[in-house]
């Protein structure tokens, strides 16, 4: 376990200061949408796709299913139609039907406000559970996704790597989390990971954490674990996001065969091709 550092408060202040002017504007982050149900809908839409794609569907989905009771009543075919713009609509419909069926039977179509209870709901994992609690219920829970793991792997690179167990990263952000401003803290980590602390060509000069970052200051014990060659990242990050080859191809405009060849090391990829794939993987 990484022990607390004297610079941790500087890290927290850097994140919160950055959040004042740089957070992305997604519909599910707006005040009127910060309810448990509307945050849960965002999590359903965001799985295996980009934030921009989810944003295009979010409003119409809520118009069709304004509350959990209505979503629970939806026919399977209706769910498929609602999810069709995002792809993987059969899998999404099946997962949502299992989730709403469980909530209807066990919680009277109410969303639990307790982490252990949320984790028992089919289709709601650690990240989504904590997102619903922080953003929807305004409870101080830290969220950890691939972007957050990458940031911590760099900032604390002398002690851990981005490949360390997610539980270790979770303990770190749980320690750092500012109780009163947990939403801003979570949003800032997610957005810095997407826009600044990118998997390739990170914008260290624009990062509010650069002064306390082990990687930036040459203290990372294994730089290769923090920033790997671009080609080797593709398969690892695609599988971490549970994104199919077909979906990645559609989002990036790169052929499925080219992606397979890159992932298997069969051909040397052009930097522009790798950047297209990484942009598609980390847009959200």
Protein backbone atom coordinates (compact mmCIF):
# COMPACT_ATOMS: atom_id res chain seq x y z
CA UNK A 1 0.00 0.00 0.00
CA UNK A 2 1.26 3.48 -0.86
CA UNK A 3 1.65 5.54 2.31
CA UNK A 4 0.37 9.14 2.47
CA UNK A 5 2.80 11.77 1.17
CA UNK A 6 3.40 15.34 2.20
CA UNK A 7 2.49 16.35 -1.35
CA UNK A 8 -0.95 14.70 -1.28
CA UNK A 9 -2.65 17.94 -0.26
CA UNK A 10 -0.91 19.68 -3.13
CA UNK A 11 -2.28 17.00 -5.46
CA UNK A 12 -5.82 17.49 -4.15
CA UNK A 13 -5.60 21.27 -4.48
CA UNK A 14 -4.21 20.91 -7.99
CA UNK A 15 -7.13 18.73 -9.06
CA UNK A 16 -9.77 20.99 -7.53
CA UNK A 17 -8.16 24.14 -8.91
CA UNK A 18 -8.02 22.62 -12.39
CA UNK A 19 -11.65 21.52 -12.15
CA UNK A 20 -12.86 25.11 -11.88
CA UNK A 21 -12.19 25.86 -15.56
CA UNK A 22 -11.50 22.62 -17.38
CA UNK A 23 -14.18 20.02 -16.67
CA UNK A 24 -16.02 18.69 -19.69
CA UNK A 25 -19.69 19.53 -20.05
CA UNK A 26 -21.74 16.35 -20.39
CA UNK A 27 -25.52 16.35 -19.87
CA UNK A 28 -25.34 13.83 -17.02
CA UNK A 29 -23.08 16.23 -15.10
CA UNK A 30 -25.55 19.10 -15.07
CA UNK A 31 -27.25 19.80 -11.72
CA UNK A 32 -30.77 18.74 -12.74
CA UNK A 33 -29.43 15.34 -13.86
CA UNK A 34 -27.51 14.58 -10.65
CA UNK A 35 -30.07 12.09 -9.39
CA UNK A 36 -29.45 8.38 -8.76
CA UNK A 37 -31.58 7.27 -11.70
CA UNK A 38 -30.19 9.74 -14.23
CA UNK A 39 -26.63 8.97 -13.21
CA UNK A 40 -27.37 5.25 -13.52
CA UNK A 41 -28.76 5.82 -17.03
CA UNK A 42 -25.53 7.59 -17.96
CA UNK A 43 -23.54 4.61 -16.70
CA UNK A 44 -25.67 2.23 -18.79
CA UNK A 45 -25.09 4.30 -21.91
CA UNK A 46 -21.38 4.86 -21.32
CA UNK A 47 -20.46 1.19 -21.14
CA UNK A 48 -18.45 0.08 -24.17
CA UNK A 49 -18.81 3.34 -26.04
CA UNK A 50 -17.57 6.93 -26.01
CA UNK A 51 -18.95 9.81 -23.97
CA UNK A 52 -19.81 11.75 -27.11
CA UNK A 53 -21.89 8.83 -28.43
CA UNK A 54 -23.66 8.44 -25.08
CA UNK A 55 -24.39 12.17 -24.94
CA UNK A 56 -26.27 11.99 -28.25
CA UNK A 57 -28.63 9.35 -26.84
CA UNK A 58 -28.95 10.48 -23.23
CA UNK A 59 -31.78 13.00 -23.62
CA UNK A 60 -33.99 10.83 -25.82
CA UNK A 61 -33.43 7.83 -23.55
CA UNK A 62 -34.66 9.79 -20.54
CA UNK A 63 -37.64 11.06 -22.51
CA UNK A 64 -38.60 7.47 -23.28
CA UNK A 65 -37.77 6.10 -19.80
CA UNK A 66 -38.13 9.01 -17.32
CA UNK A 67 -37.80 6.85 -14.21
CA UNK A 68 -36.77 3.39 -13.07
CA UNK A 69 -40.37 2.13 -12.89
CA UNK A 70 -40.90 2.94 -16.59
CA UNK A 71 -37.54 1.38 -17.52
CA UNK A 72 -38.52 -1.76 -15.60
CA UNK A 73 -41.73 -2.04 -17.64
CA UNK A 74 -39.99 -1.77 -20.99
CA UNK A 75 -40.27 -4.65 -23.38
CA UNK A 76 -37.05 -6.28 -24.52
CA UNK A 77 -37.61 -5.07 -28.09
CA UNK A 78 -38.15 -1.53 -26.81
CA UNK A 79 -34.83 -1.65 -24.98
CA UNK A 80 -33.05 -2.91 -28.08
CA UNK A 81 -34.45 -0.01 -30.09
CA UNK A 82 -33.41 2.54 -27.48
CA UNK A 83 -29.86 1.18 -27.35
CA UNK A 84 -29.48 0.64 -31.10
CA UNK A 85 -27.64 3.95 -31.82
CA UNK A 86 -24.83 2.82 -29.50
CA UNK A 87 -24.34 -0.67 -30.90
CA UNK A 88 -24.27 -3.92 -28.91
CA UNK A 89 -27.96 -3.31 -28.37
CA UNK A 90 -28.84 -6.95 -27.65
CA UNK A 91 -26.24 -7.21 -24.90
CA UNK A 92 -27.26 -3.82 -23.48
CA UNK A 93 -30.94 -4.75 -23.49
CA UNK A 94 -30.27 -8.08 -21.79
CA UNK A 95 -28.09 -6.48 -19.09
CA UNK A 96 -30.60 -3.69 -18.44
CA UNK A 97 -33.52 -6.12 -18.20
CA UNK A 98 -31.60 -8.19 -15.63
CA UNK A 99 -30.75 -5.07 -13.65
CA UNK A 100 -34.28 -3.64 -13.59
CA UNK A 101 -35.76 -7.04 -12.81
CA UNK A 102 -33.52 -7.36 -9.78
CA UNK A 103 -34.25 -3.82 -8.58
CA UNK A 104 -37.96 -4.33 -9.04
CA UNK A 105 -38.01 -7.62 -7.14
CA UNK A 106 -35.54 -6.74 -4.37
CA UNK A 107 -35.82 -2.96 -3.98
CA UNK A 108 -39.32 -2.01 -5.21
CA UNK A 109 -37.79 -0.26 -8.26
CA UNK A 110 -35.65 1.97 -6.06
CA UNK A 111 -31.90 2.39 -6.44
CA UNK A 112 -30.02 1.37 -3.27
CA UNK A 113 -27.90 4.03 -1.59
CA UNK A 114 -25.54 1.51 0.05
CA UNK A 115 -22.40 0.31 -1.76
CA UNK A 116 -22.72 -3.35 -0.76
CA UNK A 117 -26.31 -3.44 -2.01
CA UNK A 118 -25.46 -1.74 -5.29
CA UNK A 119 -22.67 -4.24 -5.94
CA UNK A 120 -25.21 -7.07 -5.75
CA UNK A 121 -27.24 -5.60 -8.62
CA UNK A 122 -26.57 -7.39 -11.94
CA UNK A 123 -24.63 -5.20 -14.36
CA UNK A 124 -23.50 -2.61 -11.80
CA UNK A 125 -19.83 -3.00 -10.90
CA UNK A 126 -17.43 -1.13 -8.64
CA UNK A 127 -17.06 1.92 -10.88
CA UNK A 128 -20.76 2.38 -11.67
CA UNK A 129 -21.77 1.79 -8.04
CA UNK A 130 -19.41 4.46 -6.77
CA UNK A 131 -20.40 6.83 -9.57
CA UNK A 132 -24.09 6.51 -8.63
CA UNK A 133 -23.26 7.12 -4.96
CA UNK A 134 -21.01 10.14 -5.60
CA UNK A 135 -22.80 11.86 -8.44
CA UNK A 136 -26.36 10.68 -7.81
CA UNK A 137 -26.62 10.41 -4.02
CA UNK A 138 -23.93 13.03 -3.21
CA UNK A 139 -22.10 10.56 -0.99
CA UNK A 140 -18.28 10.77 -0.75
CA UNK A 141 -17.13 7.80 -2.82
CA UNK A 142 -14.09 7.84 -5.09
CA UNK A 143 -14.32 6.35 -8.58
CA UNK A 144 -11.54 4.49 -10.38
CA UNK A 145 -11.51 3.79 -14.11
CA UNK A 146 -8.68 3.18 -16.57
CA UNK A 147 -7.91 6.89 -16.78
CA UNK A 148 -7.60 7.21 -13.01
CA UNK A 149 -5.39 4.12 -12.80
CA UNK A 150 -3.06 5.60 -15.39
CA UNK A 151 -2.76 8.90 -13.50
CA UNK A 152 -2.01 7.16 -10.21
CA UNK A 153 0.48 4.85 -11.91
CA UNK A 154 2.39 7.93 -13.00
CA UNK A 155 1.98 10.19 -9.98
CA UNK A 156 2.91 7.38 -7.59
CA UNK A 157 5.24 5.70 -10.09
CA UNK A 158 8.03 5.18 -7.53
CA UNK A 159 5.70 2.89 -5.55
CA UNK A 160 3.16 1.44 -7.98
CA UNK A 161 2.46 1.20 -11.70
CA UNK A 162 -0.63 1.65 -13.83
CA UNK A 163 -0.75 -2.15 -14.00
CA UNK A 164 -1.10 -2.58 -10.22
CA UNK A 165 -4.36 -4.10 -8.93
CA UNK A 166 -7.38 -1.82 -9.12
CA UNK A 167 -7.90 -2.33 -5.39
CA UNK A 168 -4.59 -0.59 -4.69
CA UNK A 169 -5.58 2.40 -6.80
CA UNK A 170 -8.95 2.46 -5.06
CA UNK A 171 -7.30 2.70 -1.65
CA UNK A 172 -5.23 5.66 -2.80
CA UNK A 173 -8.16 7.70 -4.12
CA UNK A 174 -10.23 6.77 -1.07
CA UNK A 175 -7.47 8.32 1.05
CA UNK A 176 -7.22 11.43 -1.12
CA UNK A 177 -10.94 12.06 -1.60
CA UNK A 178 -12.07 15.46 -0.24
CA UNK A 179 -15.42 14.82 1.46
CA UNK A 180 -17.06 18.16 0.63
CA UNK A 181 -15.92 18.30 -3.00
CA UNK A 182 -15.90 14.63 -3.98
CA UNK A 183 -17.79 15.19 -7.24
CA UNK A 184 -15.33 17.77 -8.54
CA UNK A 185 -12.41 15.59 -7.46
CA UNK A 186 -13.79 12.56 -9.32
CA UNK A 187 -14.62 14.53 -12.45
CA UNK A 188 -11.17 16.13 -12.47
CA UNK A 189 -9.35 12.80 -12.30
CA UNK A 190 -11.47 11.33 -15.07
CA UNK A 191 -11.05 14.35 -17.34
CA UNK A 192 -7.33 14.84 -16.75
CA UNK A 193 -6.83 11.19 -17.65
CA UNK A 194 -8.78 11.66 -20.86
CA UNK A 195 -7.47 15.05 -22.00
CA UNK A 196 -4.06 15.58 -20.37
CA UNK A 197 -2.52 12.44 -18.85
CA UNK A 198 -3.14 10.49 -22.04
CA UNK A 199 -1.82 6.96 -22.69
CA UNK A 200 0.49 8.26 -25.39
CA UNK A 201 1.99 11.74 -25.73
CA UNK A 202 0.72 13.01 -22.36
CA UNK A 203 0.53 16.80 -22.03
CA UNK A 204 2.68 17.00 -18.92
CA UNK A 205 3.23 20.73 -19.40
CA UNK A 206 -0.51 21.33 -19.00
CA UNK A 207 -1.02 18.98 -16.06
CA UNK A 208 -1.83 20.44 -12.63
CA UNK A 209 -0.17 17.40 -11.04
CA UNK A 210 3.20 17.72 -12.77
CA UNK A 211 5.02 19.00 -9.68
CA UNK A 212 4.04 15.96 -7.60
CA UNK A 213 4.20 13.36 -10.40
CA UNK A 214 6.91 10.71 -10.08
CA UNK A 215 6.87 10.03 -13.81
CA UNK A 216 7.24 13.68 -14.80
CA UNK A 217 10.04 14.18 -12.29
CA UNK A 218 11.98 11.03 -13.17
CA UNK A 219 11.10 9.11 -10.01
CA UNK A 220 9.06 6.30 -11.61
CA UNK A 221 10.73 2.98 -10.88
CA UNK A 222 9.50 1.37 -14.10
CA UNK A 223 8.67 3.90 -16.80
CA UNK A 224 7.75 1.17 -19.26
CA UNK A 225 4.90 0.11 -16.99
CA UNK A 226 3.69 3.69 -16.90
CA UNK A 227 3.98 4.62 -20.54
CA UNK A 228 4.27 1.65 -22.85
CA UNK A 229 4.89 1.75 -26.61
CA UNK A 230 1.66 2.83 -28.27
CA UNK A 231 1.04 -0.38 -30.21
CA UNK A 232 1.14 -2.55 -27.09
CA UNK A 233 -1.50 -0.38 -25.41
CA UNK A 234 -4.25 -0.98 -27.93
CA UNK A 235 -5.29 -4.52 -27.03
CA UNK A 236 -4.77 -4.02 -23.29
CA UNK A 237 -6.94 -0.92 -23.11
CA UNK A 238 -9.58 -2.22 -25.55
CA UNK A 239 -10.06 -5.32 -23.41
CA UNK A 240 -10.06 -3.28 -20.20
CA UNK A 241 -12.96 -1.24 -21.62
CA UNK A 242 -14.60 -4.44 -22.93
CA UNK A 243 -14.77 -2.93 -26.40
CA UNK A 244 -15.06 -5.27 -29.36
CA UNK A 245 -12.89 -5.03 -32.47
CA UNK A 246 -15.98 -4.14 -34.48
CA UNK A 247 -16.86 -1.25 -32.16
CA UNK A 248 -13.30 0.10 -32.09
CA UNK A 249 -13.14 -0.10 -35.86
CA UNK A 250 -16.39 1.84 -36.22
CA UNK A 251 -15.34 4.53 -33.72
CA UNK A 252 -11.83 5.02 -35.09
CA UNK A 253 -12.35 4.51 -38.81
CA UNK A 254 -9.53 1.93 -38.81
CA UNK A 255 -10.26 -1.45 -40.37
CA UNK A 256 -10.73 -4.46 -38.13
CA UNK A 257 -7.91 -6.31 -39.94
CA UNK A 258 -5.50 -3.42 -39.32
CA UNK A 259 -6.37 -3.40 -35.61
CA UNK A 260 -5.79 -7.15 -35.36
CA UNK A 261 -2.40 -6.83 -37.08
CA UNK A 262 -1.38 -4.01 -34.73
CA UNK A 263 -2.46 -5.91 -31.62
CA UNK A 264 -0.60 -9.05 -32.72
CA UNK A 265 2.51 -7.14 -33.77
CA UNK A 266 2.24 -8.35 -37.36
CA UNK A 267 2.82 -4.94 -38.89
CA UNK A 268 4.38 -1.63 -37.96
CA UNK A 269 1.56 0.87 -37.62
CA UNK A 270 1.62 4.49 -38.67
CA UNK A 271 1.54 7.01 -35.81
CA UNK A 272 -1.62 8.55 -37.29
CA UNK A 273 -3.37 5.17 -37.18
CA UNK A 274 -2.38 4.52 -33.57
CA UNK A 275 -3.55 8.02 -32.60
CA UNK A 276 -6.96 7.36 -34.19
CA UNK A 277 -7.32 4.19 -32.16
CA UNK A 278 -6.19 5.80 -28.91
CA UNK A 279 -8.50 8.77 -29.46
CA UNK A 280 -11.43 6.37 -29.89
CA UNK A 281 -10.45 4.37 -26.81
CA UNK A 282 -9.95 7.33 -24.52
CA UNK A 283 -12.42 9.89 -25.83
CA UNK A 284 -14.64 9.22 -22.81
